[in-house]
N, C-alpha and C. Protein backbone atom coordinates (compact mmCIF):
# COMPACT_ATOMS: atom_id res chain seq x y z
N MET A 1 0.84 -1.20 -0.15
CA MET A 1 0.03 0.11 0.13
C MET A 1 0.84 1.32 0.15
N TYR A 2 0.64 2.20 -0.91
CA TYR A 2 1.29 3.52 -0.83
C TYR A 2 0.96 4.38 0.15
N THR A 3 1.68 5.33 0.62
CA THR A 3 1.50 6.29 1.68
C THR A 3 0.25 7.06 1.21
N GLU A 4 0.23 7.50 -0.10
CA GLU A 4 -0.76 8.51 -0.59
C GLU A 4 -2.07 7.90 -0.49
N THR A 5 -2.20 6.42 -0.69
CA THR A 5 -3.35 5.79 -0.57
C THR A 5 -3.80 5.78 1.02
N LEU A 6 -2.81 5.43 1.67
CA LEU A 6 -3.33 5.37 3.15
C LEU A 6 -3.52 6.83 3.69
N GLN A 7 -3.17 8.07 3.18
CA GLN A 7 -3.46 9.28 3.58
C GLN A 7 -4.72 9.57 3.16
N LYS A 8 -4.94 9.29 2.07
CA LYS A 8 -6.29 9.42 1.27
C LYS A 8 -7.52 8.96 1.86
N ILE A 9 -7.16 7.61 2.33
CA ILE A 9 -8.34 6.65 2.83
C ILE A 9 -8.71 7.13 4.39
N LEU A 10 -7.53 7.74 5.10
CA LEU A 10 -7.65 7.98 6.65
C LEU A 10 -8.01 9.46 6.65
N SER A 11 -7.97 10.32 5.62
CA SER A 11 -8.33 11.63 5.89
C SER A 11 -9.61 11.95 5.96
N SER A 12 -9.99 13.04 6.92
CA SER A 12 -11.23 13.60 7.33
C SER A 12 -11.13 14.74 7.94
N GLU A 13 -12.28 15.40 8.06
CA GLU A 13 -12.45 16.79 8.80
C GLU A 13 -12.02 16.58 10.20
N ILE A 14 -11.27 17.60 10.45
CA ILE A 14 -10.80 17.39 11.77
C ILE A 14 -11.70 18.50 12.73
N LEU A 15 -12.36 17.80 13.71
CA LEU A 15 -13.28 18.68 14.56
C LEU A 15 -12.61 18.39 16.02
N PRO A 16 -11.78 19.33 16.46
CA PRO A 16 -11.10 18.85 17.77
C PRO A 16 -11.75 19.21 18.97
N HIS A 17 -13.13 19.47 19.16
CA HIS A 17 -14.08 19.88 20.05
C HIS A 17 -14.99 18.69 20.70
N LEU A 18 -15.22 18.47 21.87
CA LEU A 18 -16.53 17.46 22.04
C LEU A 18 -17.65 18.28 22.71
N ASN A 19 -18.83 18.28 22.02
CA ASN A 19 -19.86 18.96 22.67
C ASN A 19 -20.65 18.14 23.76
N ASP A 20 -19.95 17.47 24.90
CA ASP A 20 -20.52 16.61 25.62
C ASP A 20 -20.13 17.02 26.96
N ASN A 21 -20.73 17.59 27.84
CA ASN A 21 -20.19 17.81 29.24
C ASN A 21 -20.48 16.68 30.24
N SER A 22 -21.03 15.68 29.80
CA SER A 22 -21.48 14.51 30.75
C SER A 22 -20.14 13.60 30.86
N THR A 23 -19.03 13.86 30.31
CA THR A 23 -17.86 12.96 30.39
C THR A 23 -16.64 13.77 30.50
N LYS A 24 -15.60 13.36 30.56
CA LYS A 24 -14.16 13.89 30.74
C LYS A 24 -13.74 13.64 29.42
N HIS A 25 -12.91 14.74 28.88
CA HIS A 25 -12.64 14.80 27.48
C HIS A 25 -10.92 14.41 27.48
N ALA A 26 -10.51 13.63 26.34
CA ALA A 26 -9.22 13.28 26.05
C ALA A 26 -8.94 12.93 24.55
N ALA A 27 -7.78 13.07 24.39
CA ALA A 27 -7.52 12.76 22.95
C ALA A 27 -6.23 11.85 22.94
N VAL A 28 -5.94 11.26 21.74
CA VAL A 28 -4.93 10.32 21.53
C VAL A 28 -4.35 10.47 20.14
N LEU A 29 -3.21 10.28 19.68
CA LEU A 29 -2.60 10.51 18.35
C LEU A 29 -2.25 9.15 17.91
N ILE A 30 -2.88 8.72 16.61
CA ILE A 30 -2.40 7.46 16.11
C ILE A 30 -1.56 7.72 15.16
N VAL A 31 -0.27 7.58 15.27
CA VAL A 31 0.90 7.74 14.33
C VAL A 31 1.24 6.57 13.68
N ILE A 32 1.05 6.69 12.27
CA ILE A 32 1.49 5.66 11.48
C ILE A 32 2.80 6.33 10.61
N TYR A 33 3.77 5.47 10.45
CA TYR A 33 4.93 5.99 9.95
C TYR A 33 5.84 4.82 9.03
N GLY A 34 6.52 5.52 8.15
CA GLY A 34 7.47 4.62 7.39
C GLY A 34 6.87 4.05 6.12
N LYS A 35 7.63 3.49 5.21
CA LYS A 35 7.31 2.82 3.98
C LYS A 35 6.24 1.56 4.28
N ASP A 36 6.92 0.99 5.47
CA ASP A 36 5.96 -0.42 5.93
C ASP A 36 4.89 -0.28 6.87
N HIS A 37 4.66 1.30 6.98
CA HIS A 37 3.31 1.47 7.59
C HIS A 37 3.28 0.86 8.99
N LYS A 38 4.10 1.32 10.13
CA LYS A 38 3.87 0.93 11.31
C LYS A 38 3.28 1.78 12.18
N ILE A 39 2.58 1.37 13.39
CA ILE A 39 1.91 2.16 14.10
C ILE A 39 2.52 2.01 15.40
N ILE A 40 2.64 3.31 16.22
CA ILE A 40 3.00 3.54 17.57
C ILE A 40 2.02 3.32 18.62
N MET A 41 2.30 2.48 19.50
CA MET A 41 1.60 2.33 20.70
C MET A 41 2.57 2.32 21.99
N THR A 42 1.90 2.47 23.03
CA THR A 42 2.77 2.53 24.28
C THR A 42 2.19 1.63 25.32
N LYS A 43 2.95 0.95 26.09
CA LYS A 43 2.54 0.06 27.14
C LYS A 43 2.84 1.07 28.54
N LYS A 44 1.60 0.91 29.17
CA LYS A 44 1.59 1.75 30.46
C LYS A 44 2.33 0.97 31.70
N PRO A 45 2.93 1.67 32.54
CA PRO A 45 3.64 0.96 33.66
C PRO A 45 2.59 0.26 34.51
N THR A 46 2.71 -0.84 35.04
CA THR A 46 1.74 -1.52 36.06
C THR A 46 1.77 -0.89 37.32
N THR A 47 2.39 0.40 37.48
CA THR A 47 2.26 1.05 38.79
C THR A 47 1.30 2.24 38.85
N MET A 48 0.77 2.34 37.62
CA MET A 48 -0.13 3.68 37.34
C MET A 48 -1.51 3.50 37.96
N GLN A 49 -2.24 4.34 38.39
CA GLN A 49 -3.47 4.11 38.89
C GLN A 49 -4.60 3.83 38.11
N GLN A 50 -4.52 4.54 37.00
CA GLN A 50 -5.49 4.24 35.88
C GLN A 50 -4.73 3.72 34.65
N HIS A 51 -5.49 2.71 33.88
CA HIS A 51 -4.74 1.86 32.82
C HIS A 51 -3.49 1.39 32.90
N ALA A 52 -3.45 0.80 34.23
CA ALA A 52 -2.03 0.20 34.52
C ALA A 52 -1.73 -0.95 33.77
N GLY A 53 -0.59 -0.97 33.04
CA GLY A 53 -0.06 -2.23 31.91
C GLY A 53 -0.87 -2.22 30.80
N GLU A 54 -1.78 -1.32 30.30
CA GLU A 54 -2.53 -1.48 29.19
C GLU A 54 -1.56 -0.93 28.01
N ILE A 55 -2.08 -1.20 27.05
CA ILE A 55 -1.35 -0.90 25.76
C ILE A 55 -2.37 0.20 25.02
N SER A 56 -1.80 1.23 24.73
CA SER A 56 -2.61 2.35 24.20
C SER A 56 -1.96 3.14 23.23
N PHE A 57 -2.60 4.14 22.87
CA PHE A 57 -1.92 5.17 21.87
C PHE A 57 -1.54 6.44 22.75
N PRO A 58 -0.37 7.04 22.32
CA PRO A 58 -0.06 8.21 23.10
C PRO A 58 -1.13 9.38 23.12
N GLY A 59 -1.46 9.79 24.52
CA GLY A 59 -2.37 10.67 24.63
C GLY A 59 -2.69 10.89 26.10
N GLY A 60 -4.13 11.76 26.20
CA GLY A 60 -4.34 11.91 27.60
C GLY A 60 -5.33 12.70 27.80
N LYS A 61 -5.50 13.32 28.91
CA LYS A 61 -6.85 14.32 29.24
C LYS A 61 -6.50 15.65 28.61
N ILE A 62 -7.48 16.49 28.45
CA ILE A 62 -7.32 17.88 27.98
C ILE A 62 -6.78 18.79 29.17
N ASP A 63 -5.89 19.76 28.98
CA ASP A 63 -5.27 20.49 29.90
C ASP A 63 -5.74 21.99 29.79
N VAL A 64 -5.87 22.64 30.62
CA VAL A 64 -6.24 24.14 30.45
C VAL A 64 -5.44 24.92 29.59
N SER A 65 -4.25 24.45 29.47
CA SER A 65 -3.14 25.24 28.37
C SER A 65 -3.56 24.63 26.88
N ASP A 66 -4.44 23.71 26.68
CA ASP A 66 -4.65 23.29 25.39
C ASP A 66 -5.72 23.96 24.83
N ASP A 67 -5.69 24.53 23.73
CA ASP A 67 -6.83 25.28 22.79
C ASP A 67 -7.71 24.38 22.49
N ASN A 68 -7.48 22.94 22.35
CA ASN A 68 -8.62 21.94 21.70
C ASN A 68 -7.81 20.75 21.91
N LEU A 69 -8.69 19.71 21.60
CA LEU A 69 -8.36 18.24 21.74
C LEU A 69 -7.22 17.80 20.78
N LEU A 70 -7.06 18.41 19.67
CA LEU A 70 -5.89 18.16 18.82
C LEU A 70 -4.62 18.58 19.56
N ASP A 71 -4.49 19.86 19.83
CA ASP A 71 -3.61 20.33 20.82
C ASP A 71 -3.25 19.18 21.92
N THR A 72 -4.03 18.78 22.52
CA THR A 72 -3.95 17.82 23.57
C THR A 72 -3.04 16.46 23.17
N ALA A 73 -3.71 15.93 21.99
CA ALA A 73 -3.02 14.85 21.48
C ALA A 73 -1.58 14.99 20.83
N ILE A 74 -1.25 16.41 20.56
CA ILE A 74 -0.11 16.58 20.09
C ILE A 74 0.92 16.72 21.10
N ARG A 75 0.34 17.61 22.09
CA ARG A 75 1.23 17.82 23.50
C ARG A 75 1.47 16.38 24.21
N GLU A 76 0.58 15.58 24.46
CA GLU A 76 0.67 14.44 24.93
C GLU A 76 1.55 13.40 24.47
N THR A 77 1.59 13.39 23.07
CA THR A 77 2.51 12.62 22.51
C THR A 77 4.01 12.88 22.60
N LEU A 78 3.99 14.26 22.47
CA LEU A 78 5.59 14.97 22.65
C LEU A 78 5.83 14.63 24.06
N GLU A 79 5.02 14.84 25.12
CA GLU A 79 5.36 14.55 26.62
C GLU A 79 5.72 12.96 26.77
N GLU A 80 4.94 12.10 26.16
CA GLU A 80 4.86 10.54 26.47
C GLU A 80 6.13 9.86 25.76
N ILE A 81 6.32 10.27 24.52
CA ILE A 81 7.33 9.56 23.73
C ILE A 81 8.35 10.49 23.12
N GLY A 82 8.25 11.55 23.21
CA GLY A 82 9.38 12.67 22.66
C GLY A 82 9.07 12.69 21.26
N LEU A 83 7.97 12.66 20.61
CA LEU A 83 7.74 12.74 19.27
C LEU A 83 6.97 13.89 18.99
N ASP A 84 7.64 14.88 18.31
CA ASP A 84 6.87 16.36 17.94
C ASP A 84 6.47 16.16 16.62
N VAL A 85 5.06 16.00 16.63
CA VAL A 85 4.20 15.91 15.29
C VAL A 85 3.76 17.11 14.86
N PRO A 86 4.12 17.69 13.64
CA PRO A 86 3.75 18.96 13.07
C PRO A 86 2.12 18.86 12.99
N ILE A 87 1.35 19.82 13.06
CA ILE A 87 0.00 19.81 13.05
C ILE A 87 -0.48 19.40 11.57
N GLN A 88 0.49 19.68 10.61
CA GLN A 88 -0.12 19.62 9.25
C GLN A 88 0.10 18.21 8.81
N LYS A 89 0.76 17.26 9.68
CA LYS A 89 0.74 15.86 9.31
C LYS A 89 -0.44 15.05 10.11
N VAL A 90 -1.28 15.66 10.84
CA VAL A 90 -2.54 15.17 11.22
C VAL A 90 -3.55 15.14 10.13
N VAL A 91 -3.98 14.17 9.67
CA VAL A 91 -4.61 13.80 8.37
C VAL A 91 -6.24 13.66 8.66
N GLY A 92 -6.57 13.22 9.96
CA GLY A 92 -7.94 13.16 10.23
C GLY A 92 -8.22 12.54 11.68
N GLN A 93 -9.38 12.27 11.72
CA GLN A 93 -9.68 11.64 13.28
C GLN A 93 -10.76 10.60 13.00
N LEU A 94 -10.89 9.85 14.01
CA LEU A 94 -11.74 8.71 14.07
C LEU A 94 -12.99 9.24 14.95
N ASN A 95 -14.02 8.35 14.74
CA ASN A 95 -15.14 8.66 15.81
C ASN A 95 -14.88 8.60 17.42
N PRO A 96 -15.24 9.59 18.11
CA PRO A 96 -14.87 9.65 19.68
C PRO A 96 -15.25 8.34 20.18
N VAL A 97 -14.52 7.66 21.01
CA VAL A 97 -14.60 6.42 21.84
C VAL A 97 -14.71 6.78 23.32
N ARG A 98 -15.49 6.14 23.93
CA ARG A 98 -15.68 6.23 25.51
C ARG A 98 -14.93 5.00 26.20
N THR A 99 -14.37 5.40 27.23
CA THR A 99 -13.70 4.31 28.09
C THR A 99 -14.80 3.91 29.23
N ARG A 100 -14.57 2.56 29.35
CA ARG A 100 -15.66 2.07 30.26
C ARG A 100 -15.47 2.15 31.76
N SER A 101 -14.04 2.12 32.18
CA SER A 101 -13.80 2.41 33.50
C SER A 101 -13.54 3.81 34.06
N SER A 102 -12.85 4.67 33.34
CA SER A 102 -12.23 5.91 33.71
C SER A 102 -13.19 7.05 33.29
N GLY A 103 -14.19 6.81 32.62
CA GLY A 103 -15.21 7.94 32.21
C GLY A 103 -14.82 8.83 31.30
N PHE A 104 -13.88 8.60 30.34
CA PHE A 104 -13.55 9.65 29.30
C PHE A 104 -14.13 9.40 28.06
N THR A 105 -14.40 10.36 27.24
CA THR A 105 -14.64 10.31 25.90
C THR A 105 -13.35 10.83 25.03
N ILE A 106 -12.77 10.02 24.31
CA ILE A 106 -11.46 10.07 23.56
C ILE A 106 -11.65 10.38 22.06
N ILE A 107 -11.05 11.53 21.50
CA ILE A 107 -11.12 11.82 19.99
C ILE A 107 -9.44 11.18 19.64
N PRO A 108 -9.82 10.11 18.78
CA PRO A 108 -8.44 9.64 18.28
C PRO A 108 -8.17 10.54 16.80
N PHE A 109 -6.94 10.93 16.84
CA PHE A 109 -6.48 11.86 15.70
C PHE A 109 -5.45 10.85 14.96
N ILE A 110 -5.31 11.04 13.58
CA ILE A 110 -4.27 10.17 12.88
C ILE A 110 -3.30 11.03 12.20
N ALA A 111 -2.14 10.60 12.24
CA ALA A 111 -1.04 11.52 11.84
C ALA A 111 -0.27 10.24 10.94
N ILE A 112 0.16 11.06 9.75
CA ILE A 112 1.08 10.00 8.93
C ILE A 112 2.26 10.55 8.74
N LEU A 113 3.36 9.92 9.02
CA LEU A 113 4.87 10.57 9.01
C LEU A 113 5.68 9.72 8.07
N GLU A 114 6.55 10.28 7.33
CA GLU A 114 7.46 9.62 6.56
C GLU A 114 8.46 8.78 7.31
N GLN A 115 9.02 9.27 8.25
CA GLN A 115 9.81 8.67 9.23
C GLN A 115 9.64 9.17 10.66
N ILE A 116 10.27 8.59 11.56
CA ILE A 116 10.36 9.16 12.96
C ILE A 116 11.82 9.22 13.44
N THR A 117 12.07 9.97 14.36
CA THR A 117 13.45 10.08 14.97
C THR A 117 13.38 9.18 16.34
N HIS A 118 14.65 9.17 17.07
CA HIS A 118 14.56 8.46 18.17
C HIS A 118 13.51 8.95 19.33
N LEU A 119 12.89 8.06 19.73
CA LEU A 119 11.81 8.18 20.61
C LEU A 119 12.20 8.06 22.03
N GLN A 120 11.61 8.91 23.12
CA GLN A 120 12.21 8.84 24.37
C GLN A 120 10.91 8.78 25.42
N PRO A 121 10.73 7.50 26.18
CA PRO A 121 9.48 7.55 26.85
C PRO A 121 9.42 8.18 28.31
N ASN A 122 8.48 8.65 28.63
CA ASN A 122 8.55 9.31 29.87
C ASN A 122 8.15 8.49 31.06
N SER A 123 7.78 8.97 32.23
CA SER A 123 7.50 8.12 33.25
C SER A 123 5.96 7.25 33.11
N GLU A 124 5.22 7.71 32.14
CA GLU A 124 3.90 7.40 31.88
C GLU A 124 4.03 6.18 30.85
N VAL A 125 5.22 5.93 30.54
CA VAL A 125 5.33 4.92 29.44
C VAL A 125 6.34 3.89 29.90
N ASP A 126 6.03 2.50 29.76
CA ASP A 126 6.94 1.52 30.23
C ASP A 126 7.66 1.08 28.93
N GLU A 127 6.84 1.12 27.85
CA GLU A 127 7.68 0.87 26.45
C GLU A 127 6.80 1.23 25.37
N ILE A 128 7.62 1.61 24.22
CA ILE A 128 7.08 2.13 23.12
C ILE A 128 7.21 0.87 22.23
N LEU A 129 6.03 0.62 21.62
CA LEU A 129 5.81 -0.42 20.72
C LEU A 129 5.51 -0.08 19.11
N HIS A 130 6.14 -0.60 18.28
CA HIS A 130 5.94 -0.34 16.89
C HIS A 130 5.39 -1.66 16.07
N PHE A 131 4.22 -1.55 15.76
CA PHE A 131 3.53 -2.67 15.15
C PHE A 131 3.19 -2.39 13.54
N PRO A 132 3.36 -3.47 12.63
CA PRO A 132 3.06 -3.17 11.34
C PRO A 132 1.58 -3.19 11.36
N ILE A 133 1.06 -2.07 10.65
CA ILE A 133 -0.31 -1.88 10.59
C ILE A 133 -1.31 -2.93 10.05
N ILE A 134 -0.89 -3.50 9.01
CA ILE A 134 -1.69 -4.56 8.42
C ILE A 134 -1.76 -5.78 9.12
N PRO A 135 -0.79 -6.29 9.55
CA PRO A 135 -0.80 -7.68 10.21
C PRO A 135 -1.30 -7.41 11.74
N LEU A 136 -1.18 -6.36 12.06
CA LEU A 136 -2.00 -5.89 13.53
C LEU A 136 -3.51 -6.10 13.51
N LEU A 137 -3.80 -5.29 12.35
CA LEU A 137 -5.58 -5.18 12.38
C LEU A 137 -5.93 -6.61 11.53
N GLN A 138 -5.21 -7.38 11.14
CA GLN A 138 -5.73 -8.62 10.74
C GLN A 138 -5.99 -9.51 11.96
N LYS A 139 -5.16 -9.36 13.17
CA LYS A 139 -5.55 -9.99 14.37
C LYS A 139 -6.88 -9.54 15.00
N LEU A 140 -7.46 -8.47 14.46
CA LEU A 140 -8.51 -7.92 15.16
C LEU A 140 -9.84 -8.63 14.63
N GLU A 141 -9.76 -9.35 13.45
CA GLU A 141 -10.98 -9.90 12.76
C GLU A 141 -11.67 -10.76 13.72
N ASN A 142 -12.92 -10.64 13.79
CA ASN A 142 -13.80 -11.43 14.57
C ASN A 142 -13.42 -12.00 15.81
N ASP A 143 -12.75 -11.13 16.67
CA ASP A 143 -12.16 -11.28 18.00
C ASP A 143 -13.07 -10.34 18.94
N GLU A 144 -14.06 -10.57 19.08
CA GLU A 144 -14.86 -9.90 19.95
C GLU A 144 -14.63 -10.46 21.44
N ASP A 145 -14.84 -9.48 22.47
CA ASP A 145 -14.30 -9.51 23.77
C ASP A 145 -15.53 -9.65 24.78
N PRO A 146 -15.93 -11.07 25.11
CA PRO A 146 -17.10 -11.38 25.81
C PRO A 146 -17.09 -10.94 27.26
N GLU A 147 -15.93 -10.69 27.64
CA GLU A 147 -15.80 -10.09 28.97
C GLU A 147 -16.16 -8.62 29.28
N HIS A 148 -16.44 -8.04 28.09
CA HIS A 148 -16.47 -6.47 28.26
C HIS A 148 -18.03 -6.49 27.41
N VAL A 149 -18.79 -7.19 27.53
CA VAL A 149 -20.26 -7.02 26.92
C VAL A 149 -21.00 -5.75 27.20
N SER A 150 -20.67 -5.05 28.09
CA SER A 150 -21.44 -3.89 28.82
C SER A 150 -21.23 -2.72 27.68
N ILE A 151 -20.17 -2.79 26.91
CA ILE A 151 -19.85 -1.75 25.99
C ILE A 151 -20.49 -2.42 24.63
N SER A 152 -21.10 -1.43 23.97
CA SER A 152 -21.71 -2.08 22.66
C SER A 152 -20.81 -2.69 21.60
N GLU A 153 -19.41 -2.05 21.71
CA GLU A 153 -18.63 -2.80 20.68
C GLU A 153 -17.40 -2.98 21.61
N SER A 154 -16.97 -4.34 21.81
CA SER A 154 -15.78 -4.72 22.46
C SER A 154 -15.01 -5.66 21.84
N TYR A 155 -13.78 -5.33 21.50
CA TYR A 155 -12.74 -6.16 20.82
C TYR A 155 -11.44 -6.41 21.99
N LYS A 156 -10.74 -7.45 21.37
CA LYS A 156 -9.42 -7.36 21.73
C LYS A 156 -8.62 -8.22 20.96
N LEU A 157 -7.24 -8.01 20.86
CA LEU A 157 -6.41 -8.77 19.85
C LEU A 157 -5.08 -9.10 20.58
N THR A 158 -4.38 -10.04 20.44
CA THR A 158 -3.12 -10.28 20.77
C THR A 158 -2.11 -10.26 19.49
N TYR A 159 -1.09 -9.40 19.72
CA TYR A 159 -0.09 -9.45 18.61
C TYR A 159 1.25 -9.71 19.35
N GLY A 160 1.98 -10.82 19.15
CA GLY A 160 3.02 -11.35 19.76
C GLY A 160 2.72 -11.46 21.40
N ASP A 161 3.34 -10.98 22.33
CA ASP A 161 2.94 -11.09 23.55
C ASP A 161 2.15 -9.83 24.21
N ASN A 162 1.57 -9.11 23.11
CA ASN A 162 0.99 -7.97 23.73
C ASN A 162 -0.76 -8.20 23.36
N MET A 163 -1.49 -7.94 24.59
CA MET A 163 -2.85 -7.88 24.30
C MET A 163 -3.30 -6.39 24.11
N ILE A 164 -4.12 -6.16 23.23
CA ILE A 164 -4.75 -4.72 22.98
C ILE A 164 -6.32 -5.07 23.34
N TRP A 165 -6.92 -4.20 24.15
CA TRP A 165 -8.40 -4.23 24.19
C TRP A 165 -8.80 -3.03 24.65
N GLY A 166 -10.16 -2.82 24.91
CA GLY A 166 -10.67 -1.75 25.42
C GLY A 166 -10.95 -0.59 24.33
N ALA A 167 -10.70 0.79 24.92
CA ALA A 167 -10.77 1.66 23.82
C ALA A 167 -9.91 1.73 22.79
N SER A 168 -8.60 1.33 22.95
CA SER A 168 -7.52 1.32 21.91
C SER A 168 -7.99 0.32 20.68
N ALA A 169 -8.70 -0.88 21.15
CA ALA A 169 -9.03 -1.97 20.34
C ALA A 169 -10.20 -1.23 19.57
N ARG A 170 -11.01 -0.60 20.10
CA ARG A 170 -12.16 -0.07 19.24
C ARG A 170 -11.57 1.01 18.22
N MET A 171 -10.74 1.48 18.52
CA MET A 171 -9.98 2.66 17.68
C MET A 171 -9.52 1.81 16.49
N LEU A 172 -8.55 0.84 16.92
CA LEU A 172 -8.13 -0.19 15.65
C LEU A 172 -9.26 -0.45 14.77
N LYS A 173 -10.39 -0.97 15.47
CA LYS A 173 -11.47 -1.81 14.71
C LYS A 173 -12.01 -0.52 13.73
N GLN A 174 -11.99 0.54 14.10
CA GLN A 174 -12.56 1.81 13.01
C GLN A 174 -11.71 1.72 11.91
N ILE A 175 -10.40 1.71 12.13
CA ILE A 175 -9.30 1.81 11.10
C ILE A 175 -9.43 0.37 10.09
N ALA A 176 -9.52 -0.65 10.83
CA ALA A 176 -9.82 -1.82 10.10
C ALA A 176 -10.92 -1.73 9.25
N ASP A 177 -12.12 -1.14 9.77
CA ASP A 177 -13.48 -1.04 9.10
C ASP A 177 -13.24 -0.36 7.76
N ILE A 178 -12.37 0.96 7.79
CA ILE A 178 -12.01 1.86 6.79
C ILE A 178 -11.14 1.22 5.79
N PHE A 179 -10.31 0.19 6.18
CA PHE A 179 -9.28 -0.36 5.41
C PHE A 179 -10.30 -1.54 4.61
N LYS A 180 -11.08 -2.16 5.28
CA LYS A 180 -12.13 -3.23 4.61
C LYS A 180 -12.86 -2.47 3.52
N SER A 181 -13.34 -1.31 4.00
CA SER A 181 -14.23 -0.75 2.73
C SER A 181 -13.50 -0.10 1.64
N ASN A 182 -12.20 -0.07 1.83
CA ASN A 182 -11.40 0.22 0.74
C ASN A 182 -10.68 -0.86 0.04
N GLN A 183 -10.99 -2.10 0.59
CA GLN A 183 -10.46 -3.20 0.08
C GLN A 183 -8.91 -3.47 0.07
N ILE A 184 -8.48 -3.02 1.27
CA ILE A 184 -7.13 -2.95 1.88
C ILE A 184 -6.95 -4.20 2.60
N LEU A 185 -7.95 -4.44 3.46
CA LEU A 185 -7.78 -5.79 4.39
C LEU A 185 -8.90 -6.81 3.99
C-alpha cells in the first residue's frame, strides 16, 4: 500500500472539540509512519493508578493550556514519547470512543509521518511499541471480547506477547473497517 493511498483513505475533517459535558475529554494520536506503515503504541507501567499495564496510543486528558483536543493529542505525544508531530501531518480523526472504567470520551486523531526520530518514553510509558499496521489489524478480525459485553462494541487482539483491548481496540476496529471498505484488508 502506498503512503498516498493510506493518507487518502484516513483523511477526514478535523473537529477537535467535544460537545458533551457529561464526560471527561481526552485525545490520542495514532501515528502511522514509514514505508512499511508501522503504528506506534505505548505500554503503560503496571504502577499507574488508571490503565496500568495497558497498551494504548499516546495521549491523555485535555489540559487548561490546550486550545482544543488536537492540541492535547500533540502535546501528550511529545510528553509521553518525545515525538513532536507537526499539525499539518495530522490527516484526520476517528469517531470518539468512550472508556468503560475511567469515564473519558477520547477523540483519536491520525498522523502519517514519513519517518520518526529517536523516541524517549517518559514515566507514563513503560515501553514504546511499533506494530506493522496490516498484520496488527488482521489479528482484530472476529475477535469480540465477551468479558466486556457492557460496551456496545468490545474487541481484543493479541499481537506477539501484547494484548490490546478496550478503547484502543475499538479505535483499531475503526481503522480496520476503513481498510476493509477500501479493500485493503
